[in-house]
Amino acid sequence: MNKITIIFSPYHVGQRDFRVGNGPNRILGFGIVDVLEKLGYDVNIVEIPRVDEYEGEIGKSFEILNRTSVAVKNAVCNGTFPLVLSGNCMATTGVACGLREENLGFIYFDAHDDLDSPDVNTNGYLDAMGLSMLRGESWKAHMSKVPYFKPIKLDKFLYCGLRDCDETQIKRVKEANMNVIWGDKSKKVDFIKEFQTQIQQIDYSPAVVHLDLDCLDAAYGKVNDFPSEGGLYENELLECIGMVPQYTTPRSLTICSFDPDCGDGDRIAQIAVEAVKRFFTSLSKKK
C-alpha cells in the first residue's frame, strides 16, 4: 500500500482548533505531507467537517466519532492507509470501528489508559473513556449508533509509556490483562529493549496504532495539560514506533493529544513528524 489518507480532525470536546484540537494544524504545518511524498507515498487529505449544529460536548464528540469511522472505512475501501491527525485521543475509538476487522490488536503509546467508565471517571474527560466505549462497557446507546461498531475484546493490547494513572485505573488495566511497559519517574526504563521483547511475544496483527504525544517524558515540556515524568525520550519513541511495522501488520496510525500552545509546540510537532516518517519508512520496507 503506497497511498495514505490523512484524516484531519482538529477537534477537542467537539470544538475546532481548541487546545489539543490545534495540534493537527501544527503537525500539518511542519511539512508532514512533503515528508510522506518524499518517501514515495501518494497522500490525500480528508477533513472531518465541523459539528457545530450538534448539542454539547457529548453530541459533538460522538458525531466526530461517527464521521471518523466512516472516513476510515472509506480510506481502506479506496486502498489507502488511514493516518489520523486528531486533537482528541478518543479518535482511535472511531478508527477501530471504521477498520471493520476481526481480532484487532492495539499498540498504544500513551501516558494514560483511556479505560475509564463513567462510574470511575474523576477527571471529567470524555476522552478518558474511549477504550471502555470500544469494548462495549460504557456509553452504549451512543456507541450503538457509531457506524460499524461492534464491541471489541482488548485481549491483544500493548501500552508503552503508561504511567499517569490512579490506583483504580491501574487496577482496571490489570484486570483487563493488558500488556504494559510502565513508565517510571524513579528510574529510567529501557523502553526500546522492553518494547522489542513485548511486541514479539504475541501477534498484535492487524494492529491499531495510537500515538498520544504525552507518552513523551516531561523533559520535553508540556505536550498537553497532563505532563508526567518517566516517559519516552525522542530516540526511544522513534525506535519503538519504527519497530511496529517490523513485527506487526498495522492498519492505522493515530497521532493525538498535542496542544502546541502549552509548551515548546514546534519541538513536539517536529518529533511527531519524525515519528510518522520513521513509521512509514519502516512500513515501506516491509512491502
C-alpha atoms as a PDB file:
ATOM      1  CA  MET A   1       0.000   0.000   0.000  1.00  0.00           C
ATOM      2  CA  ASN A   2       1.683   3.222  -1.149  1.00  0.00           C
ATOM      3  CA  LYS A   3      -1.286   5.526  -0.649  1.00  0.00           C
ATOM      4  CA  ILE A   4      -2.116   7.393   2.555  1.00  0.00           C
ATOM      5  CA  THR A   5      -5.281   9.212   3.535  1.00  0.00           C
ATOM      6  CA  ILE A   6      -4.642  11.829   6.197  1.00  0.00           C
ATOM      7  CA  ILE A   7      -7.871  12.159   8.163  1.00  0.00           C
ATOM      8  CA  PHE A   8      -7.661  15.673   9.559  1.00  0.00           C
ATOM      9  CA  SER A   9      -9.682  16.058  12.759  1.00  0.00           C
ATOM     10  CA  PRO A  10      -8.656  19.220  14.670  1.00  0.00           C
ATOM     11  CA  TYR A  11     -11.222  18.889  17.466  1.00  0.00           C
ATOM     12  CA  HIS A  12     -11.334  18.704  21.241  1.00  0.00           C
ATOM     13  CA  VAL A  13     -14.585  18.441  23.256  1.00  0.00           C
ATOM     14  CA  GLY A  14     -16.294  18.962  19.905  1.00  0.00           C
ATOM     15  CA  GLN A  15     -14.687  22.361  19.314  1.00  0.00           C
ATOM     16  CA  ARG A  16     -12.432  23.050  16.369  1.00  0.00           C
ATOM     17  CA  ASP A  17      -8.838  24.243  16.917  1.00  0.00           C
ATOM     18  CA  PHE A  18      -9.357  24.330  20.696  1.00  0.00           C
ATOM     19  CA  ARG A  19      -6.383  23.350  22.886  1.00  0.00           C
ATOM     20  CA  VAL A  20      -5.258  19.881  21.734  1.00  0.00           C
ATOM     21  CA  GLY A  21      -7.591  20.389  18.793  1.00  0.00           C
ATOM     22  CA  ASN A  22      -4.974  22.763  17.422  1.00  0.00           C
ATOM     23  CA  GLY A  23      -2.277  20.071  17.402  1.00  0.00           C
ATOM     24  CA  PRO A  24      -3.150  18.659  13.962  1.00  0.00           C
ATOM     25  CA  ASN A  25      -2.735  22.130  12.458  1.00  0.00           C
ATOM     26  CA  ARG A  26       0.779  22.474  13.831  1.00  0.00           C
ATOM     27  CA  ILE A  27       1.798  18.982  12.697  1.00  0.00           C
ATOM     28  CA  LEU A  28       0.389  19.579   9.227  1.00  0.00           C
ATOM     29  CA  GLY A  29       2.223  22.895   9.112  1.00  0.00           C
ATOM     30  CA  PHE A  30       5.549  21.165   9.724  1.00  0.00           C
ATOM     31  CA  GLY A  31       5.504  19.547   6.318  1.00  0.00           C
ATOM     32  CA  ILE A  32       4.172  16.085   7.051  1.00  0.00           C
ATOM     33  CA  VAL A  33       2.716  15.776   3.538  1.00  0.00           C
ATOM     34  CA  ASP A  34       6.061  16.612   1.908  1.00  0.00           C
ATOM     35  CA  VAL A  35       7.824  14.100   4.161  1.00  0.00           C
ATOM     36  CA  LEU A  36       5.451  11.319   3.158  1.00  0.00           C
ATOM     37  CA  GLU A  37       5.575  12.190  -0.537  1.00  0.00           C
ATOM     38  CA  LYS A  38       9.377  12.087  -0.477  1.00  0.00           C
ATOM     39  CA  LEU A  39       9.062   8.547   0.895  1.00  0.00           C
ATOM     40  CA  GLY A  40       7.110   7.658  -2.230  1.00  0.00           C
ATOM     41  CA  TYR A  41       3.581   7.797  -0.835  1.00  0.00           C
ATOM     42  CA  ASP A  42       0.598   9.292  -2.609  1.00  0.00           C
ATOM     43  CA  VAL A  43      -1.120  11.456   0.027  1.00  0.00           C
ATOM     44  CA  ASN A  44      -4.724  12.597   0.144  1.00  0.00           C
ATOM     45  CA  ILE A  45      -6.278  14.727   2.902  1.00  0.00           C
ATOM     46  CA  VAL A  46      -9.842  14.236   4.125  1.00  0.00           C
ATOM     47  CA  GLU A  47     -11.144  16.723   6.671  1.00  0.00           C
ATOM     48  CA  ILE A  48     -13.780  15.944   9.288  1.00  0.00           C
ATOM     49  CA  PRO A  49     -16.400  18.702   8.860  1.00  0.00           C
ATOM     50  CA  ARG A  50     -17.486  20.933  11.707  1.00  0.00           C
ATOM     51  CA  VAL A  51     -20.120  19.606  14.085  1.00  0.00           C
ATOM     52  CA  ASP A  52     -21.333  22.957  15.412  1.00  0.00           C
ATOM     53  CA  GLU A  53     -25.005  22.092  14.845  1.00  0.00           C
ATOM     54  CA  TYR A  54     -24.860  19.256  17.395  1.00  0.00           C
ATOM     55  CA  GLU A  55     -25.700  19.802  21.049  1.00  0.00           C
ATOM     56  CA  GLY A  56     -22.977  19.973  23.715  1.00  0.00           C
ATOM     57  CA  GLU A  57     -19.673  18.167  24.130  1.00  0.00           C
ATOM     58  CA  ILE A  58     -21.269  14.720  24.131  1.00  0.00           C
ATOM     59  CA  GLY A  59     -23.331  15.213  20.992  1.00  0.00           C
ATOM     60  CA  LYS A  60     -20.456  16.857  19.116  1.00  0.00           C
ATOM     61  CA  SER A  61     -17.881  14.299  20.236  1.00  0.00           C
ATOM     62  CA  PHE A  62     -19.933  11.295  19.205  1.00  0.00           C
ATOM     63  CA  GLU A  63     -20.716  12.833  15.832  1.00  0.00           C
ATOM     64  CA  ILE A  64     -16.971  13.229  15.284  1.00  0.00           C
ATOM     65  CA  LEU A  65     -16.594   9.533  16.146  1.00  0.00           C
ATOM     66  CA  ASN A  66     -19.318   8.683  13.640  1.00  0.00           C
ATOM     67  CA  ARG A  67     -17.588  10.647  10.897  1.00  0.00           C
ATOM     68  CA  THR A  68     -14.171   9.273  11.786  1.00  0.00           C
ATOM     69  CA  SER A  69     -15.415   5.717  11.470  1.00  0.00           C
ATOM     70  CA  VAL A  70     -16.870   6.424   8.024  1.00  0.00           C
ATOM     71  CA  ALA A  71     -13.734   8.273   6.895  1.00  0.00           C
ATOM     72  CA  VAL A  72     -11.532   5.340   7.932  1.00  0.00           C
ATOM     73  CA  LYS A  73     -13.809   2.852   6.194  1.00  0.00           C
ATOM     74  CA  ASN A  74     -13.694   4.923   3.006  1.00  0.00           C
ATOM     75  CA  ALA A  75      -9.896   5.241   3.190  1.00  0.00           C
ATOM     76  CA  VAL A  76      -9.480   1.487   3.495  1.00  0.00           C
ATOM     77  CA  CYS A  77     -12.010   0.755   0.746  1.00  0.00           C
ATOM     78  CA  ASN A  78     -10.059   3.104  -1.528  1.00  0.00           C
ATOM     79  CA  GLY A  79      -6.878   1.131  -0.893  1.00  0.00           C
ATOM     80  CA  THR A  80      -5.204   3.747   1.291  1.00  0.00           C
ATOM     81  CA  PHE A  81      -3.680   3.676   4.759  1.00  0.00           C
ATOM     82  CA  PRO A  82      -5.529   5.882   7.286  1.00  0.00           C
ATOM     83  CA  LEU A  83      -3.297   8.349   9.158  1.00  0.00           C
ATOM     84  CA  VAL A  84      -5.469  10.254  11.618  1.00  0.00           C
ATOM     85  CA  LEU A  85      -4.320  13.639  12.900  1.00  0.00           C
ATOM     86  CA  SER A  86      -6.662  14.247  15.807  1.00  0.00           C
ATOM     87  CA  GLY A  87      -6.911  16.638  18.673  1.00  0.00           C
ATOM     88  CA  ASN A  88      -8.830  14.333  20.962  1.00  0.00           C
ATOM     89  CA  CYS A  89      -7.398  10.901  21.805  1.00  0.00           C
ATOM     90  CA  MET A  90     -10.862   9.335  21.565  1.00  0.00           C
ATOM     91  CA  ALA A  91     -10.471   9.333  17.773  1.00  0.00           C
ATOM     92  CA  THR A  92      -8.947   5.863  17.860  1.00  0.00           C
ATOM     93  CA  THR A  93     -12.292   4.516  19.053  1.00  0.00           C
ATOM     94  CA  GLY A  94     -13.813   5.627  15.742  1.00  0.00           C
ATOM     95  CA  VAL A  95     -10.775   4.364  13.835  1.00  0.00           C
ATOM     96  CA  ALA A  96     -11.166   0.853  15.235  1.00  0.00           C
ATOM     97  CA  CYS A  97     -14.844   0.829  14.247  1.00  0.00           C
ATOM     98  CA  GLY A  98     -14.123   2.005  10.717  1.00  0.00           C
ATOM     99  CA  LEU A  99     -11.468  -0.637  10.104  1.00  0.00           C
ATOM    100  CA  ARG A 100     -14.187  -3.321  10.348  1.00  0.00           C
ATOM    101  CA  GLU A 101     -11.640  -6.056  11.091  1.00  0.00           C
ATOM    102  CA  GLU A 102     -11.924  -9.025  13.403  1.00  0.00           C
ATOM    103  CA  ASN A 103      -9.446  -9.720  16.175  1.00  0.00           C
ATOM    104  CA  LEU A 104      -7.822  -6.297  16.166  1.00  0.00           C
ATOM    105  CA  GLY A 105      -4.672  -5.716  18.180  1.00  0.00           C
ATOM    106  CA  PHE A 106      -3.782  -2.366  19.755  1.00  0.00           C
ATOM    107  CA  ILE A 107      -0.428  -0.681  20.309  1.00  0.00           C
ATOM    108  CA  TYR A 108      -0.820   2.422  22.439  1.00  0.00           C
ATOM    109  CA  PHE A 109       1.989   4.895  23.086  1.00  0.00           C
ATOM    110  CA  ASP A 110       0.264   6.779  25.879  1.00  0.00           C
ATOM    111  CA  ALA A 111       0.756   8.040  29.426  1.00  0.00           C
ATOM    112  CA  HIS A 112      -2.938   7.425  30.148  1.00  0.00           C
ATOM    113  CA  ASP A 113      -5.060   4.314  29.967  1.00  0.00           C
ATOM    114  CA  ASP A 114      -8.282   5.758  28.391  1.00  0.00           C
ATOM    115  CA  LEU A 115     -10.134   2.856  30.020  1.00  0.00           C
ATOM    116  CA  ASP A 116     -12.347   4.793  32.454  1.00  0.00           C
ATOM    117  CA  SER A 117     -16.063   4.206  32.614  1.00  0.00           C
ATOM    118  CA  PRO A 118     -18.404   6.993  33.796  1.00  0.00           C
ATOM    119  CA  ASP A 119     -18.702   5.249  37.169  1.00  0.00           C
ATOM    120  CA  VAL A 120     -14.998   5.549  37.955  1.00  0.00           C
ATOM    121  CA  ASN A 121     -14.000   8.651  35.996  1.00  0.00           C
ATOM    122  CA  THR A 122     -12.793  11.545  38.145  1.00  0.00           C
ATOM    123  CA  ASN A 123     -11.045  13.876  35.672  1.00  0.00           C
ATOM    124  CA  GLY A 124     -14.169  14.859  33.771  1.00  0.00           C
ATOM    125  CA  TYR A 125     -12.764  13.980  30.349  1.00  0.00           C
ATOM    126  CA  LEU A 126     -14.984  12.076  27.960  1.00  0.00           C
ATOM    127  CA  ASP A 127     -11.910  11.003  26.011  1.00  0.00           C
ATOM    128  CA  ALA A 128     -10.612   9.164  29.088  1.00  0.00           C
ATOM    129  CA  MET A 129     -13.324   6.586  28.345  1.00  0.00           C
ATOM    130  CA  GLY A 130     -12.543   5.760  24.713  1.00  0.00           C
ATOM    131  CA  LEU A 131     -11.427   2.192  25.316  1.00  0.00           C
ATOM    132  CA  SER A 132     -14.252   1.333  27.686  1.00  0.00           C
ATOM    133  CA  MET A 133     -16.606   2.539  24.948  1.00  0.00           C
ATOM    134  CA  LEU A 134     -14.858   0.359  22.418  1.00  0.00           C
ATOM    135  CA  ARG A 135     -15.192  -2.780  24.490  1.00  0.00           C
ATOM    136  CA  GLY A 136     -18.912  -2.139  24.958  1.00  0.00           C
ATOM    137  CA  GLU A 137     -18.751  -1.196  28.621  1.00  0.00           C
ATOM    138  CA  SER A 138     -19.876   2.424  28.551  1.00  0.00           C
ATOM    139  CA  TRP A 139     -21.942   4.967  26.585  1.00  0.00           C
ATOM    140  CA  LYS A 140     -23.752   2.040  24.986  1.00  0.00           C
ATOM    141  CA  ALA A 141     -26.624   3.968  23.400  1.00  0.00           C
ATOM    142  CA  HIS A 142     -24.286   6.405  21.645  1.00  0.00           C
ATOM    143  CA  MET A 143     -21.808   3.706  20.639  1.00  0.00           C
ATOM    144  CA  SER A 144     -24.591   1.622  19.108  1.00  0.00           C
ATOM    145  CA  LYS A 145     -25.036   4.440  16.573  1.00  0.00           C
ATOM    146  CA  VAL A 146     -21.353   4.676  15.579  1.00  0.00           C
ATOM    147  CA  PRO A 147     -21.094   3.152  12.093  1.00  0.00           C
ATOM    148  CA  TYR A 148     -19.606  -0.366  12.046  1.00  0.00           C
ATOM    149  CA  PHE A 149     -19.271  -0.558  15.836  1.00  0.00           C
ATOM    150  CA  LYS A 150     -19.031  -3.965  17.423  1.00  0.00           C
ATOM    151  CA  PRO A 151     -17.678  -4.465  20.962  1.00  0.00           C
ATOM    152  CA  ILE A 152     -14.005  -5.358  20.694  1.00  0.00           C
ATOM    153  CA  LYS A 153     -12.047  -7.543  23.059  1.00  0.00           C
ATOM    154  CA  LEU A 154      -8.891  -5.821  24.188  1.00  0.00           C
ATOM    155  CA  ASP A 155      -7.003  -9.066  24.712  1.00  0.00           C
ATOM    156  CA  LYS A 156      -4.265  -8.094  22.226  1.00  0.00           C
ATOM    157  CA  PHE A 157      -3.233  -4.797  23.732  1.00  0.00           C
ATOM    158  CA  LEU A 158       0.167  -3.240  24.460  1.00  0.00           C
ATOM    159  CA  TYR A 159       0.707   0.060  26.242  1.00  0.00           C
ATOM    160  CA  CYS A 160       4.105   1.734  26.042  1.00  0.00           C
ATOM    161  CA  GLY A 161       4.860   4.558  28.476  1.00  0.00           C
ATOM    162  CA  LEU A 162       1.708   4.208  30.577  1.00  0.00           C
ATOM    163  CA  ARG A 163       2.258   5.911  33.928  1.00  0.00           C
ATOM    164  CA  ASP A 164      -0.106   8.763  34.821  1.00  0.00           C
ATOM    165  CA  CYS A 165      -2.807   6.554  36.370  1.00  0.00           C
ATOM    166  CA  ASP A 166      -4.503   6.406  39.745  1.00  0.00           C
ATOM    167  CA  GLU A 167      -4.985   3.182  41.706  1.00  0.00           C
ATOM    168  CA  THR A 168      -8.406   2.470  40.208  1.00  0.00           C
ATOM    169  CA  GLN A 169      -7.108   2.896  36.680  1.00  0.00           C
ATOM    170  CA  ILE A 170      -4.122   0.642  37.336  1.00  0.00           C
ATOM    171  CA  LYS A 171      -6.437  -1.996  38.743  1.00  0.00           C
ATOM    172  CA  ARG A 172      -8.693  -1.858  35.691  1.00  0.00           C
ATOM    173  CA  VAL A 173      -5.756  -2.224  33.313  1.00  0.00           C
ATOM    174  CA  LYS A 174      -4.506  -5.248  35.231  1.00  0.00           C
ATOM    175  CA  GLU A 175      -7.953  -6.825  35.397  1.00  0.00           C
ATOM    176  CA  ALA A 176      -8.240  -6.452  31.626  1.00  0.00           C
ATOM    177  CA  ASN A 177      -4.954  -8.375  31.233  1.00  0.00           C
ATOM    178  CA  MET A 178      -3.475  -5.677  29.032  1.00  0.00           C
ATOM    179  CA  ASN A 179       0.260  -5.801  28.442  1.00  0.00           C
ATOM    180  CA  VAL A 180       2.087  -2.745  29.744  1.00  0.00           C
ATOM    181  CA  ILE A 181       5.547  -1.242  29.577  1.00  0.00           C
ATOM    182  CA  TRP A 182       5.182   1.073  32.536  1.00  0.00           C
ATOM    183  CA  GLY A 183       6.894   4.424  32.715  1.00  0.00           C
ATOM    184  CA  ASP A 184       8.675   5.148  35.983  1.00  0.00           C
ATOM    185  CA  LYS A 185       9.760   8.546  37.259  1.00  0.00           C
ATOM    186  CA  SER A 186      12.023   6.974  39.900  1.00  0.00           C
ATOM    187  CA  LYS A 187      14.233   5.074  37.436  1.00  0.00           C
ATOM    188  CA  LYS A 188      14.955   5.040  33.720  1.00  0.00           C
ATOM    189  CA  VAL A 189      13.069   2.383  31.814  1.00  0.00           C
ATOM    190  CA  ASP A 190      14.757   0.807  28.792  1.00  0.00           C
ATOM    191  CA  PHE A 191      11.749   1.288  26.555  1.00  0.00           C
ATOM    192  CA  ILE A 192      13.500   0.097  23.407  1.00  0.00           C
ATOM    193  CA  LYS A 193      14.553  -3.221  24.909  1.00  0.00           C
ATOM    194  CA  GLU A 194      11.228  -3.782  26.655  1.00  0.00           C
ATOM    195  CA  PHE A 195       9.195  -2.887  23.589  1.00  0.00           C
ATOM    196  CA  GLN A 196      11.161  -5.189  21.318  1.00  0.00           C
ATOM    197  CA  THR A 197      10.627  -8.015  23.789  1.00  0.00           C
ATOM    198  CA  GLN A 198       6.911  -7.376  24.295  1.00  0.00           C
ATOM    199  CA  ILE A 199       5.926  -6.848  20.683  1.00  0.00           C
ATOM    200  CA  GLN A 200       7.333 -10.247  19.726  1.00  0.00           C
ATOM    201  CA  GLN A 201       5.585 -12.207  22.472  1.00  0.00           C
ATOM    202  CA  ILE A 202       2.163 -12.226  20.797  1.00  0.00           C
ATOM    203  CA  ASP A 203       0.896 -11.338  17.338  1.00  0.00           C
ATOM    204  CA  TYR A 204      -0.797  -7.928  17.530  1.00  0.00           C
ATOM    205  CA  SER A 205      -1.818  -8.013  13.863  1.00  0.00           C
ATOM    206  CA  PRO A 206      -3.921  -6.465  12.460  1.00  0.00           C
ATOM    207  CA  ALA A 207      -2.804  -3.553  14.621  1.00  0.00           C
ATOM    208  CA  VAL A 208      -4.392  -0.237  15.509  1.00  0.00           C
ATOM    209  CA  VAL A 209      -1.503   2.108  16.370  1.00  0.00           C
ATOM    210  CA  HIS A 210      -2.124   5.068  18.664  1.00  0.00           C
ATOM    211  CA  LEU A 211       0.455   7.763  19.405  1.00  0.00           C
ATOM    212  CA  ASP A 212      -0.623  10.080  22.181  1.00  0.00           C
ATOM    213  CA  LEU A 213       2.238  12.553  22.315  1.00  0.00           C
ATOM    214  CA  ASP A 214       2.126  12.794  26.106  1.00  0.00           C
ATOM    215  CA  CYS A 215       3.897   9.434  26.091  1.00  0.00           C
ATOM    216  CA  LEU A 216       6.988  11.654  25.847  1.00  0.00           C
ATOM    217  CA  ASP A 217       8.810  12.453  29.048  1.00  0.00           C
ATOM    218  CA  ALA A 218       8.025  15.776  30.715  1.00  0.00           C
ATOM    219  CA  ALA A 219      11.621  16.813  29.979  1.00  0.00           C
ATOM    220  CA  TYR A 220      10.338  17.856  26.545  1.00  0.00           C
ATOM    221  CA  GLY A 221       7.971  20.321  28.162  1.00  0.00           C
ATOM    222  CA  LYS A 222       4.203  20.315  28.271  1.00  0.00           C
ATOM    223  CA  VAL A 223       2.697  18.375  25.393  1.00  0.00           C
ATOM    224  CA  ASN A 224      -0.740  18.975  26.878  1.00  0.00           C
ATOM    225  CA  ASP A 225      -2.164  19.765  30.306  1.00  0.00           C
ATOM    226  CA  PHE A 226      -1.019  16.401  31.723  1.00  0.00           C
ATOM    227  CA  PRO A 227       2.787  16.190  31.542  1.00  0.00           C
ATOM    228  CA  SER A 228       4.484  13.474  33.591  1.00  0.00           C
ATOM    229  CA  GLU A 229       7.982  12.219  34.218  1.00  0.00           C
ATOM    230  CA  GLY A 230       9.124   8.712  33.409  1.00  0.00           C
ATOM    231  CA  GLY A 231       8.126   8.709  29.755  1.00  0.00           C
ATOM    232  CA  LEU A 232       9.863   8.030  26.481  1.00  0.00           C
ATOM    233  CA  TYR A 233      12.712  10.081  25.119  1.00  0.00           C
ATOM    234  CA  GLU A 234      12.577  11.096  21.479  1.00  0.00           C
ATOM    235  CA  ASN A 235      15.043   8.442  20.304  1.00  0.00           C
ATOM    236  CA  GLU A 236      13.095   5.769  22.197  1.00  0.00           C
ATOM    237  CA  LEU A 237       9.795   6.776  20.628  1.00  0.00           C
ATOM    238  CA  LEU A 238      11.317   6.758  17.147  1.00  0.00           C
ATOM    239  CA  GLU A 239      12.949   3.362  17.647  1.00  0.00           C
ATOM    240  CA  CYS A 240       9.808   1.815  19.091  1.00  0.00           C
ATOM    241  CA  ILE A 241       7.373   3.163  16.532  1.00  0.00           C
ATOM    242  CA  GLY A 242       9.730   2.039  13.782  1.00  0.00           C
ATOM    243  CA  MET A 243       9.526  -1.496  15.152  1.00  0.00           C
ATOM    244  CA  VAL A 244       5.744  -1.651  14.836  1.00  0.00           C
ATOM    245  CA  PRO A 245       5.652  -2.436  11.097  1.00  0.00           C
ATOM    246  CA  GLN A 246       8.580  -4.826  11.515  1.00  0.00           C
ATOM    247  CA  TYR A 247       6.735  -7.092  13.922  1.00  0.00           C
ATOM    248  CA  THR A 248       3.057  -6.433  13.164  1.00  0.00           C
ATOM    249  CA  THR A 249       0.742  -5.587  10.293  1.00  0.00           C
ATOM    250  CA  PRO A 250      -0.545  -2.114  11.165  1.00  0.00           C
ATOM    251  CA  ARG A 251      -3.879  -0.985   9.759  1.00  0.00           C
ATOM    252  CA  SER A 252      -3.947   2.610  11.013  1.00  0.00           C
ATOM    253  CA  LEU A 253      -1.976   5.269  12.857  1.00  0.00           C
ATOM    254  CA  THR A 254      -3.494   7.996  15.035  1.00  0.00           C
ATOM    255  CA  ILE A 255      -1.499  10.995  16.320  1.00  0.00           C
ATOM    256  CA  CYS A 256      -3.262  12.960  19.055  1.00  0.00           C
ATOM    257  CA  SER A 257      -3.359  14.909  22.341  1.00  0.00           C
ATOM    258  CA  PHE A 258      -0.910  17.659  21.453  1.00  0.00           C
ATOM    259  CA  ASP A 259      -1.567  21.262  22.462  1.00  0.00           C
ATOM    260  CA  PRO A 260       1.024  23.379  20.602  1.00  0.00           C
ATOM    261  CA  ASP A 261       0.346  26.367  22.855  1.00  0.00           C
ATOM    262  CA  CYS A 262       1.180  24.516  26.092  1.00  0.00           C
ATOM    263  CA  GLY A 263       4.952  24.428  25.815  1.00  0.00           C
ATOM    264  CA  ASP A 264       7.514  24.093  23.027  1.00  0.00           C
ATOM    265  CA  GLY A 265       4.973  23.313  20.348  1.00  0.00           C
ATOM    266  CA  ASP A 266       7.413  23.464  17.443  1.00  0.00           C
ATOM    267  CA  ARG A 267       9.715  20.900  19.024  1.00  0.00           C
ATOM    268  CA  ILE A 268       6.870  18.471  19.741  1.00  0.00           C
ATOM    269  CA  ALA A 269       5.485  18.917  16.226  1.00  0.00           C
ATOM    270  CA  GLN A 270       8.903  18.073  14.793  1.00  0.00           C
ATOM    271  CA  ILE A 271       9.053  14.918  16.927  1.00  0.00           C
ATOM    272  CA  ALA A 272       5.573  13.939  15.722  1.00  0.00           C
ATOM    273  CA  VAL A 273       6.562  14.389  12.075  1.00  0.00           C
ATOM    274  CA  GLU A 274       9.755  12.407  12.609  1.00  0.00           C
ATOM    275  CA  ALA A 275       7.763   9.617  14.272  1.00  0.00           C
ATOM    276  CA  VAL A 276       5.419   9.470  11.284  1.00  0.00           C
ATOM    277  CA  LYS A 277       8.439   9.405   8.962  1.00  0.00           C
ATOM    278  CA  ARG A 278      10.025   6.547  10.915  1.00  0.00           C
ATOM    279  CA  PHE A 279       6.781   4.564  10.964  1.00  0.00           C
ATOM    280  CA  PHE A 280       6.101   4.842   7.234  1.00  0.00           C
ATOM    281  CA  THR A 281       9.746   4.298   6.301  1.00  0.00           C
ATOM    282  CA  SER A 282       9.587   1.033   8.223  1.00  0.00           C
ATOM    283  CA  LEU A 283       6.229   0.179   6.650  1.00  0.00           C
ATOM    284  CA  SER A 284       7.575   0.751   3.132  1.00  0.00           C
ATOM    285  CA  LYS A 285      10.483  -1.625   3.772  1.00  0.00           C
ATOM    286  CA  LYS A 286       8.037  -4.375   4.638  1.00  0.00           C
ATOM    287  CA  LYS A 287       6.358  -4.300   1.214  1.00  0.00           C
END
